[in-house]
Amino acid sequence: MACPLPLLPGMMGEAEGNVKQCAVLVVNCSGRENAHSQALLRRGFRVVEMAQWPSDDVVTQYEVVVIVLREIDIISVVAARMRAKPRFGNRVLIGVTRMSPSAGERRLAIVSGFDDIVGESHDSRILIARILQRLRARPEHRCLVPERKRPAA
């Protein structure tokens, strides 16, 4: 009779089919405070925030990489550097800018290699919605975001 394998940190139990919890790496080299990490944690993501550029092997542990950009002008270089990392693959790459991006800036970011770009606001719902939209389109990541339990009315 086979015995169940032990769960690794970040893994869900049998009810969820032994898939791992979705992990988000937030790279914040700008030094600015942002509320996105806490909002992602509350939504059920496993979040790690770094203040320096991540090494190649660190990035492969996450399904989503969020980069807080210092300036919108460096967007194409940042996207190219991340997409060029070994085994980066089809991970979700989202940029966060100080101001809300214009339609042209958003198009440039997507052409440069970002999946999307959002403005840095105190409302993280847009960021979370775009991450969930991209993860649903990429089932190869096989990660799970726990359903939110909403209080009864």
N, C-alpha and C. Protein backbone atom coordinates (compact mmCIF):
# COMPACT_ATOMS: atom_id res chain seq x y z
N MET A 1 0.84 -1.18 0.00
CA MET A 1 0.00 0.00 0.00
C MET A 1 0.89 1.24 0.00
N ALA A 2 0.63 2.16 -0.89
CA ALA A 2 1.45 3.37 -1.01
C ALA A 2 1.07 4.37 0.05
N CYS A 3 2.07 5.06 0.59
CA CYS A 3 1.78 6.10 1.57
C CYS A 3 1.93 7.46 0.89
N PRO A 4 1.15 8.47 1.34
CA PRO A 4 1.22 9.78 0.69
C PRO A 4 2.57 10.45 0.92
N LEU A 5 3.01 11.16 -0.09
CA LEU A 5 4.27 11.89 0.03
C LEU A 5 4.08 13.11 0.91
N PRO A 6 5.11 13.51 1.64
CA PRO A 6 4.99 14.72 2.46
C PRO A 6 4.89 15.95 1.57
N LEU A 7 4.15 16.94 2.05
CA LEU A 7 4.00 18.18 1.30
C LEU A 7 5.18 19.10 1.54
N LEU A 8 5.64 19.72 0.50
CA LEU A 8 6.71 20.69 0.61
C LEU A 8 6.13 22.04 1.01
N PRO A 9 6.96 22.96 1.55
CA PRO A 9 6.43 24.28 1.87
C PRO A 9 5.85 24.95 0.62
N GLY A 10 4.67 25.55 0.76
CA GLY A 10 4.02 26.19 -0.37
C GLY A 10 3.12 25.25 -1.16
N MET A 11 3.00 23.97 -0.74
CA MET A 11 2.14 23.01 -1.43
C MET A 11 0.80 22.96 -0.73
N MET A 12 -0.25 22.68 -1.50
CA MET A 12 -1.59 22.55 -0.96
C MET A 12 -1.85 21.09 -0.64
N GLY A 13 -2.87 20.82 0.14
CA GLY A 13 -3.22 19.46 0.55
C GLY A 13 -3.91 18.67 -0.55
N GLU A 14 -4.43 17.47 -0.18
CA GLU A 14 -5.03 16.57 -1.15
C GLU A 14 -6.27 17.15 -1.81
N ALA A 15 -7.04 17.94 -1.08
CA ALA A 15 -8.27 18.50 -1.64
C ALA A 15 -7.98 19.38 -2.85
N GLU A 16 -6.83 20.00 -2.88
CA GLU A 16 -6.47 20.86 -3.99
C GLU A 16 -5.66 20.13 -5.06
N GLY A 17 -5.42 18.84 -4.90
CA GLY A 17 -4.73 18.06 -5.91
C GLY A 17 -3.22 18.20 -5.88
N ASN A 18 -2.64 18.51 -4.75
CA ASN A 18 -1.20 18.64 -4.58
C ASN A 18 -0.55 19.58 -5.59
N VAL A 19 -1.17 20.69 -5.83
CA VAL A 19 -0.57 21.72 -6.65
C VAL A 19 0.00 22.78 -5.73
N LYS A 20 0.97 23.52 -6.23
CA LYS A 20 1.60 24.50 -5.35
C LYS A 20 0.87 25.83 -5.38
N GLN A 21 1.06 26.56 -4.31
CA GLN A 21 0.47 27.89 -4.19
C GLN A 21 1.20 28.83 -5.14
N CYS A 22 0.47 29.70 -5.81
CA CYS A 22 1.08 30.63 -6.76
C CYS A 22 2.04 31.56 -6.03
N ALA A 23 3.24 31.68 -6.58
CA ALA A 23 4.27 32.50 -5.96
C ALA A 23 4.56 33.73 -6.82
N VAL A 24 4.70 34.87 -6.14
CA VAL A 24 4.97 36.14 -6.81
C VAL A 24 6.27 36.71 -6.27
N LEU A 25 7.17 37.08 -7.17
CA LEU A 25 8.40 37.77 -6.80
C LEU A 25 8.20 39.24 -7.14
N VAL A 26 8.31 40.11 -6.13
CA VAL A 26 8.20 41.54 -6.34
C VAL A 26 9.60 42.12 -6.27
N VAL A 27 10.09 42.66 -7.37
CA VAL A 27 11.42 43.26 -7.43
C VAL A 27 11.22 44.78 -7.32
N ASN A 28 11.60 45.33 -6.18
CA ASN A 28 11.39 46.75 -5.93
C ASN A 28 12.74 47.42 -5.72
N CYS A 29 13.40 47.75 -6.82
CA CYS A 29 14.69 48.44 -6.76
C CYS A 29 14.52 49.95 -6.63
N SER A 30 13.27 50.41 -6.68
CA SER A 30 13.02 51.85 -6.67
C SER A 30 13.14 52.45 -5.27
N GLY A 31 12.97 51.63 -4.24
CA GLY A 31 13.01 52.15 -2.88
C GLY A 31 11.70 52.76 -2.42
N ARG A 32 10.70 52.80 -3.31
CA ARG A 32 9.40 53.36 -2.93
C ARG A 32 8.57 52.30 -2.22
N GLU A 33 7.74 52.76 -1.30
CA GLU A 33 6.80 51.87 -0.64
C GLU A 33 5.66 51.57 -1.60
N ASN A 34 5.15 50.35 -1.57
CA ASN A 34 3.93 50.06 -2.32
C ASN A 34 3.09 49.06 -1.54
N ALA A 35 1.81 49.12 -1.76
CA ALA A 35 0.87 48.29 -1.02
C ALA A 35 0.55 46.99 -1.74
N HIS A 36 1.16 46.76 -2.89
CA HIS A 36 0.80 45.59 -3.68
C HIS A 36 1.17 44.27 -3.01
N SER A 37 2.30 44.21 -2.34
CA SER A 37 2.73 42.95 -1.71
C SER A 37 1.72 42.48 -0.68
N GLN A 38 1.27 43.39 0.17
CA GLN A 38 0.28 43.02 1.19
C GLN A 38 -1.04 42.60 0.57
N ALA A 39 -1.45 43.28 -0.48
CA ALA A 39 -2.70 42.92 -1.15
C ALA A 39 -2.60 41.53 -1.79
N LEU A 40 -1.46 41.22 -2.38
CA LEU A 40 -1.25 39.90 -2.97
C LEU A 40 -1.27 38.81 -1.90
N LEU A 41 -0.66 39.08 -0.75
CA LEU A 41 -0.69 38.13 0.37
C LEU A 41 -2.12 37.89 0.84
N ARG A 42 -2.88 38.96 0.98
CA ARG A 42 -4.28 38.82 1.43
C ARG A 42 -5.10 38.02 0.42
N ARG A 43 -4.76 38.10 -0.85
CA ARG A 43 -5.50 37.38 -1.89
C ARG A 43 -5.14 35.90 -1.93
N GLY A 44 -4.03 35.51 -1.32
CA GLY A 44 -3.67 34.10 -1.26
C GLY A 44 -2.40 33.73 -1.99
N PHE A 45 -1.68 34.69 -2.53
CA PHE A 45 -0.41 34.42 -3.18
C PHE A 45 0.70 34.28 -2.13
N ARG A 46 1.74 33.54 -2.49
CA ARG A 46 2.97 33.52 -1.68
C ARG A 46 3.85 34.59 -2.28
N VAL A 47 4.21 35.61 -1.48
CA VAL A 47 4.91 36.78 -2.00
C VAL A 47 6.28 36.92 -1.34
N VAL A 48 7.27 37.18 -2.18
CA VAL A 48 8.62 37.50 -1.71
C VAL A 48 9.02 38.81 -2.37
N GLU A 49 9.49 39.75 -1.57
CA GLU A 49 9.91 41.04 -2.09
C GLU A 49 11.43 41.16 -2.00
N MET A 50 12.04 41.63 -3.08
CA MET A 50 13.49 41.82 -3.13
C MET A 50 13.78 43.27 -3.49
N ALA A 51 14.88 43.79 -2.96
CA ALA A 51 15.28 45.16 -3.26
C ALA A 51 16.40 45.21 -4.29
N GLN A 52 16.94 44.06 -4.69
CA GLN A 52 17.99 44.03 -5.70
C GLN A 52 17.57 43.10 -6.84
N TRP A 53 18.28 43.22 -7.94
CA TRP A 53 17.98 42.42 -9.12
C TRP A 53 18.18 40.95 -8.79
N PRO A 54 17.21 40.07 -9.09
CA PRO A 54 17.31 38.66 -8.72
C PRO A 54 18.28 37.88 -9.61
N SER A 55 18.88 36.86 -9.02
CA SER A 55 19.76 35.99 -9.81
C SER A 55 18.89 35.06 -10.67
N ASP A 56 19.51 34.39 -11.62
CA ASP A 56 18.79 33.55 -12.56
C ASP A 56 18.03 32.42 -11.88
N ASP A 57 18.65 31.76 -10.90
CA ASP A 57 17.99 30.62 -10.27
C ASP A 57 16.86 31.04 -9.33
N VAL A 58 16.88 32.25 -8.83
CA VAL A 58 15.81 32.74 -7.96
C VAL A 58 14.52 32.92 -8.75
N VAL A 59 14.61 33.46 -9.92
CA VAL A 59 13.44 33.77 -10.74
C VAL A 59 12.65 32.52 -11.10
N THR A 60 13.31 31.40 -11.28
CA THR A 60 12.63 30.18 -11.71
C THR A 60 11.72 29.59 -10.64
N GLN A 61 11.76 30.10 -9.42
CA GLN A 61 10.92 29.59 -8.34
C GLN A 61 9.55 30.26 -8.29
N TYR A 62 9.30 31.21 -9.17
CA TYR A 62 8.07 32.00 -9.12
C TYR A 62 7.33 31.93 -10.45
N GLU A 63 6.01 31.95 -10.37
CA GLU A 63 5.18 31.97 -11.58
C GLU A 63 4.97 33.39 -12.09
N VAL A 64 5.04 34.35 -11.18
CA VAL A 64 4.79 35.75 -11.52
C VAL A 64 5.95 36.60 -11.02
N VAL A 65 6.42 37.51 -11.87
CA VAL A 65 7.44 38.47 -11.47
C VAL A 65 6.86 39.87 -11.69
N VAL A 66 6.82 40.65 -10.61
CA VAL A 66 6.33 42.03 -10.66
C VAL A 66 7.53 42.93 -10.43
N ILE A 67 7.77 43.86 -11.34
CA ILE A 67 8.90 44.77 -11.22
C ILE A 67 8.38 46.19 -11.01
N VAL A 68 8.79 46.80 -9.89
CA VAL A 68 8.44 48.20 -9.63
C VAL A 68 9.51 49.04 -10.33
N LEU A 69 9.09 49.75 -11.37
CA LEU A 69 10.03 50.49 -12.21
C LEU A 69 10.32 51.87 -11.64
N ARG A 70 11.59 52.27 -11.71
CA ARG A 70 11.95 53.63 -11.29
C ARG A 70 11.43 54.66 -12.27
N GLU A 71 11.63 54.38 -13.54
CA GLU A 71 11.22 55.29 -14.61
C GLU A 71 10.60 54.49 -15.75
N ILE A 72 9.67 55.08 -16.44
CA ILE A 72 9.02 54.42 -17.56
C ILE A 72 9.98 54.28 -18.74
N ASP A 73 11.01 55.13 -18.81
CA ASP A 73 11.94 55.14 -19.94
C ASP A 73 12.76 53.85 -20.05
N ILE A 74 12.95 53.13 -18.96
CA ILE A 74 13.81 51.94 -18.98
C ILE A 74 13.01 50.65 -19.18
N ILE A 75 11.76 50.78 -19.54
CA ILE A 75 10.87 49.63 -19.58
C ILE A 75 11.32 48.54 -20.56
N SER A 76 11.77 48.93 -21.74
CA SER A 76 12.15 47.92 -22.73
C SER A 76 13.42 47.17 -22.32
N VAL A 77 14.35 47.85 -21.69
CA VAL A 77 15.59 47.20 -21.24
C VAL A 77 15.30 46.21 -20.12
N VAL A 78 14.45 46.60 -19.19
CA VAL A 78 14.12 45.73 -18.05
C VAL A 78 13.41 44.46 -18.54
N ALA A 79 12.45 44.61 -19.43
CA ALA A 79 11.73 43.45 -19.95
C ALA A 79 12.68 42.51 -20.69
N ALA A 80 13.56 43.06 -21.49
CA ALA A 80 14.52 42.23 -22.24
C ALA A 80 15.46 41.48 -21.30
N ARG A 81 15.92 42.15 -20.25
CA ARG A 81 16.82 41.49 -19.28
C ARG A 81 16.13 40.33 -18.58
N MET A 82 14.86 40.52 -18.20
CA MET A 82 14.14 39.44 -17.50
C MET A 82 13.83 38.29 -18.44
N ARG A 83 13.35 38.59 -19.64
CA ARG A 83 13.00 37.52 -20.58
C ARG A 83 14.23 36.76 -21.05
N ALA A 84 15.42 37.38 -20.97
CA ALA A 84 16.65 36.72 -21.41
C ALA A 84 17.23 35.78 -20.35
N LYS A 85 16.70 35.80 -19.14
CA LYS A 85 17.21 34.92 -18.09
C LYS A 85 16.97 33.46 -18.46
N PRO A 86 17.94 32.59 -18.15
CA PRO A 86 17.75 31.17 -18.46
C PRO A 86 16.52 30.59 -17.76
N ARG A 87 15.75 29.81 -18.47
CA ARG A 87 14.56 29.14 -17.97
C ARG A 87 13.48 30.10 -17.46
N PHE A 88 13.49 31.36 -17.93
CA PHE A 88 12.43 32.29 -17.54
C PHE A 88 11.11 31.83 -18.15
N GLY A 89 11.19 31.37 -19.38
CA GLY A 89 10.04 30.75 -20.02
C GLY A 89 8.82 31.65 -20.15
N ASN A 90 7.69 31.07 -19.83
CA ASN A 90 6.40 31.73 -20.02
C ASN A 90 5.86 32.32 -18.71
N ARG A 91 6.74 32.76 -17.84
CA ARG A 91 6.29 33.36 -16.59
C ARG A 91 5.59 34.68 -16.85
N VAL A 92 4.72 35.04 -15.92
CA VAL A 92 4.00 36.30 -16.04
C VAL A 92 4.93 37.41 -15.57
N LEU A 93 5.10 38.43 -16.41
CA LEU A 93 5.98 39.56 -16.10
C LEU A 93 5.15 40.84 -16.16
N ILE A 94 5.02 41.51 -15.02
CA ILE A 94 4.20 42.72 -14.94
C ILE A 94 5.05 43.85 -14.36
N GLY A 95 4.94 45.02 -14.98
CA GLY A 95 5.64 46.21 -14.50
C GLY A 95 4.69 47.13 -13.75
N VAL A 96 5.22 47.80 -12.73
CA VAL A 96 4.46 48.79 -11.97
C VAL A 96 5.19 50.11 -12.09
N THR A 97 4.50 51.14 -12.59
CA THR A 97 5.10 52.45 -12.76
C THR A 97 4.53 53.43 -11.75
N ARG A 98 5.23 54.55 -11.58
CA ARG A 98 4.79 55.57 -10.63
C ARG A 98 3.44 56.17 -11.01
N MET A 99 3.28 56.51 -12.25
CA MET A 99 2.04 57.11 -12.75
C MET A 99 1.30 56.07 -13.60
N SER A 100 0.02 56.29 -13.79
CA SER A 100 -0.74 55.39 -14.67
C SER A 100 -0.20 55.52 -16.09
N PRO A 101 0.11 54.39 -16.73
CA PRO A 101 0.68 54.46 -18.09
C PRO A 101 -0.37 54.86 -19.13
N SER A 102 0.08 55.56 -20.14
CA SER A 102 -0.80 55.90 -21.26
C SER A 102 -0.98 54.64 -22.11
N ALA A 103 -1.89 54.70 -23.07
CA ALA A 103 -2.12 53.56 -23.95
C ALA A 103 -0.86 53.24 -24.76
N GLY A 104 -0.14 54.28 -25.19
CA GLY A 104 1.09 54.06 -25.95
C GLY A 104 2.18 53.43 -25.10
N GLU A 105 2.32 53.86 -23.86
CA GLU A 105 3.32 53.27 -22.96
C GLU A 105 2.99 51.82 -22.65
N ARG A 106 1.72 51.54 -22.50
CA ARG A 106 1.30 50.16 -22.23
C ARG A 106 1.59 49.26 -23.44
N ARG A 107 1.31 49.75 -24.64
CA ARG A 107 1.63 48.98 -25.86
C ARG A 107 3.13 48.74 -25.97
N LEU A 108 3.94 49.78 -25.70
CA LEU A 108 5.39 49.64 -25.75
C LEU A 108 5.87 48.59 -24.75
N ALA A 109 5.30 48.60 -23.56
CA ALA A 109 5.69 47.62 -22.54
C ALA A 109 5.37 46.20 -22.98
N ILE A 110 4.21 46.00 -23.57
CA ILE A 110 3.81 44.67 -24.00
C ILE A 110 4.68 44.20 -25.17
N VAL A 111 4.97 45.09 -26.11
CA VAL A 111 5.85 44.75 -27.23
C VAL A 111 7.27 44.45 -26.73
N SER A 112 7.70 45.12 -25.68
CA SER A 112 9.06 44.94 -25.14
C SER A 112 9.22 43.63 -24.38
N GLY A 113 8.13 43.01 -23.95
CA GLY A 113 8.25 41.74 -23.25
C GLY A 113 7.45 41.63 -21.97
N PHE A 114 6.89 42.73 -21.48
CA PHE A 114 6.02 42.64 -20.31
C PHE A 114 4.69 42.06 -20.74
N ASP A 115 4.04 41.35 -19.84
CA ASP A 115 2.68 40.88 -20.11
C ASP A 115 1.70 42.02 -19.92
N ASP A 116 2.01 42.90 -18.99
CA ASP A 116 1.17 44.06 -18.75
C ASP A 116 1.94 45.05 -17.89
N ILE A 117 1.39 46.26 -17.79
CA ILE A 117 1.99 47.29 -16.95
C ILE A 117 0.85 48.05 -16.30
N VAL A 118 1.00 48.34 -15.02
CA VAL A 118 -0.04 49.06 -14.28
C VAL A 118 0.59 50.23 -13.55
N GLY A 119 -0.25 51.18 -13.18
CA GLY A 119 0.21 52.33 -12.40
C GLY A 119 0.27 51.98 -10.93
N GLU A 120 1.15 52.65 -10.22
CA GLU A 120 1.31 52.41 -8.79
C GLU A 120 0.26 53.24 -8.05
N SER A 121 -0.77 52.58 -7.62
CA SER A 121 -1.81 53.27 -6.87
C SER A 121 -2.03 52.49 -5.58
N HIS A 122 -2.87 53.00 -4.75
CA HIS A 122 -3.15 52.30 -3.50
C HIS A 122 -4.22 51.24 -3.68
N ASP A 123 -4.76 51.11 -4.89
CA ASP A 123 -5.75 50.10 -5.20
C ASP A 123 -5.07 48.99 -6.00
N SER A 124 -4.87 47.85 -5.39
CA SER A 124 -4.15 46.75 -6.03
C SER A 124 -5.05 45.81 -6.81
N ARG A 125 -6.33 46.11 -6.86
CA ARG A 125 -7.26 45.20 -7.55
C ARG A 125 -6.93 45.04 -9.03
N ILE A 126 -6.48 46.09 -9.67
CA ILE A 126 -6.14 46.01 -11.10
C ILE A 126 -4.97 45.06 -11.30
N LEU A 127 -3.94 45.21 -10.47
CA LEU A 127 -2.77 44.33 -10.57
C LEU A 127 -3.17 42.87 -10.34
N ILE A 128 -3.94 42.61 -9.31
CA ILE A 128 -4.35 41.24 -9.00
C ILE A 128 -5.21 40.66 -10.12
N ALA A 129 -6.12 41.45 -10.65
CA ALA A 129 -6.97 40.97 -11.73
C ALA A 129 -6.16 40.61 -12.97
N ARG A 130 -5.16 41.42 -13.29
CA ARG A 130 -4.34 41.13 -14.48
C ARG A 130 -3.44 39.92 -14.26
N ILE A 131 -2.95 39.74 -13.04
CA ILE A 131 -2.16 38.54 -12.74
C ILE A 131 -3.02 37.29 -12.87
N LEU A 132 -4.21 37.32 -12.27
CA LEU A 132 -5.10 36.15 -12.35
C LEU A 132 -5.50 35.85 -13.79
N GLN A 133 -5.74 36.88 -14.57
CA GLN A 133 -6.10 36.70 -15.97
C GLN A 133 -4.97 35.99 -16.72
N ARG A 134 -3.73 36.41 -16.49
CA ARG A 134 -2.59 35.80 -17.18
C ARG A 134 -2.35 34.37 -16.70
N LEU A 135 -2.51 34.11 -15.40
CA LEU A 135 -2.29 32.76 -14.88
C LEU A 135 -3.33 31.78 -15.41
N ARG A 136 -4.56 32.22 -15.55
CA ARG A 136 -5.61 31.34 -16.09
C ARG A 136 -5.33 30.98 -17.54
N ALA A 137 -4.67 31.86 -18.26
CA ALA A 137 -4.35 31.60 -19.66
C ALA A 137 -3.13 30.68 -19.80
N ARG A 138 -2.43 30.43 -18.70
CA ARG A 138 -1.21 29.61 -18.74
C ARG A 138 -1.31 28.46 -17.73
N PRO A 139 -2.06 27.42 -18.07
CA PRO A 139 -2.25 26.32 -17.11
C PRO A 139 -0.98 25.52 -16.84
N GLU A 140 0.07 25.72 -17.62
CA GLU A 140 1.31 24.96 -17.40
C GLU A 140 1.97 25.30 -16.07
N HIS A 141 1.62 26.43 -15.48
CA HIS A 141 2.22 26.79 -14.19
C HIS A 141 1.69 25.92 -13.05
N ARG A 142 0.49 25.38 -13.20
CA ARG A 142 -0.10 24.48 -12.22
C ARG A 142 0.01 25.01 -10.79
N CYS A 143 -0.39 26.23 -10.60
CA CYS A 143 -0.40 26.79 -9.26
C CYS A 143 -1.83 27.17 -8.90
N LEU A 144 -2.04 27.33 -7.62
CA LEU A 144 -3.38 27.55 -7.11
C LEU A 144 -3.42 28.81 -6.26
N VAL A 145 -4.41 29.63 -6.51
CA VAL A 145 -4.69 30.76 -5.63
C VAL A 145 -5.94 30.37 -4.87
N PRO A 146 -5.85 30.25 -3.54
CA PRO A 146 -7.03 29.84 -2.78
C PRO A 146 -8.20 30.78 -2.99
N GLU A 147 -9.39 30.21 -3.04
CA GLU A 147 -10.60 31.00 -3.18
C GLU A 147 -10.79 31.85 -1.93
N ARG A 148 -11.24 33.07 -2.13
CA ARG A 148 -11.51 33.94 -1.00
C ARG A 148 -12.84 33.56 -0.38
N LYS A 149 -12.82 33.41 0.92
CA LYS A 149 -14.06 33.16 1.65
C LYS A 149 -14.71 34.51 1.95
N ARG A 150 -15.85 34.74 1.35
CA ARG A 150 -16.54 36.01 1.57
C ARG A 150 -17.55 35.83 2.70
N PRO A 151 -17.63 36.83 3.57
CA PRO A 151 -18.60 36.71 4.66
C PRO A 151 -20.03 36.76 4.12
N ALA A 152 -20.89 36.02 4.78
CA ALA A 152 -22.29 35.99 4.36
C ALA A 152 -22.92 37.36 4.62
N ALA A 153 -23.85 37.71 3.77
CA ALA A 153 -24.49 39.03 3.89
C ALA A 153 -25.44 39.10 5.05
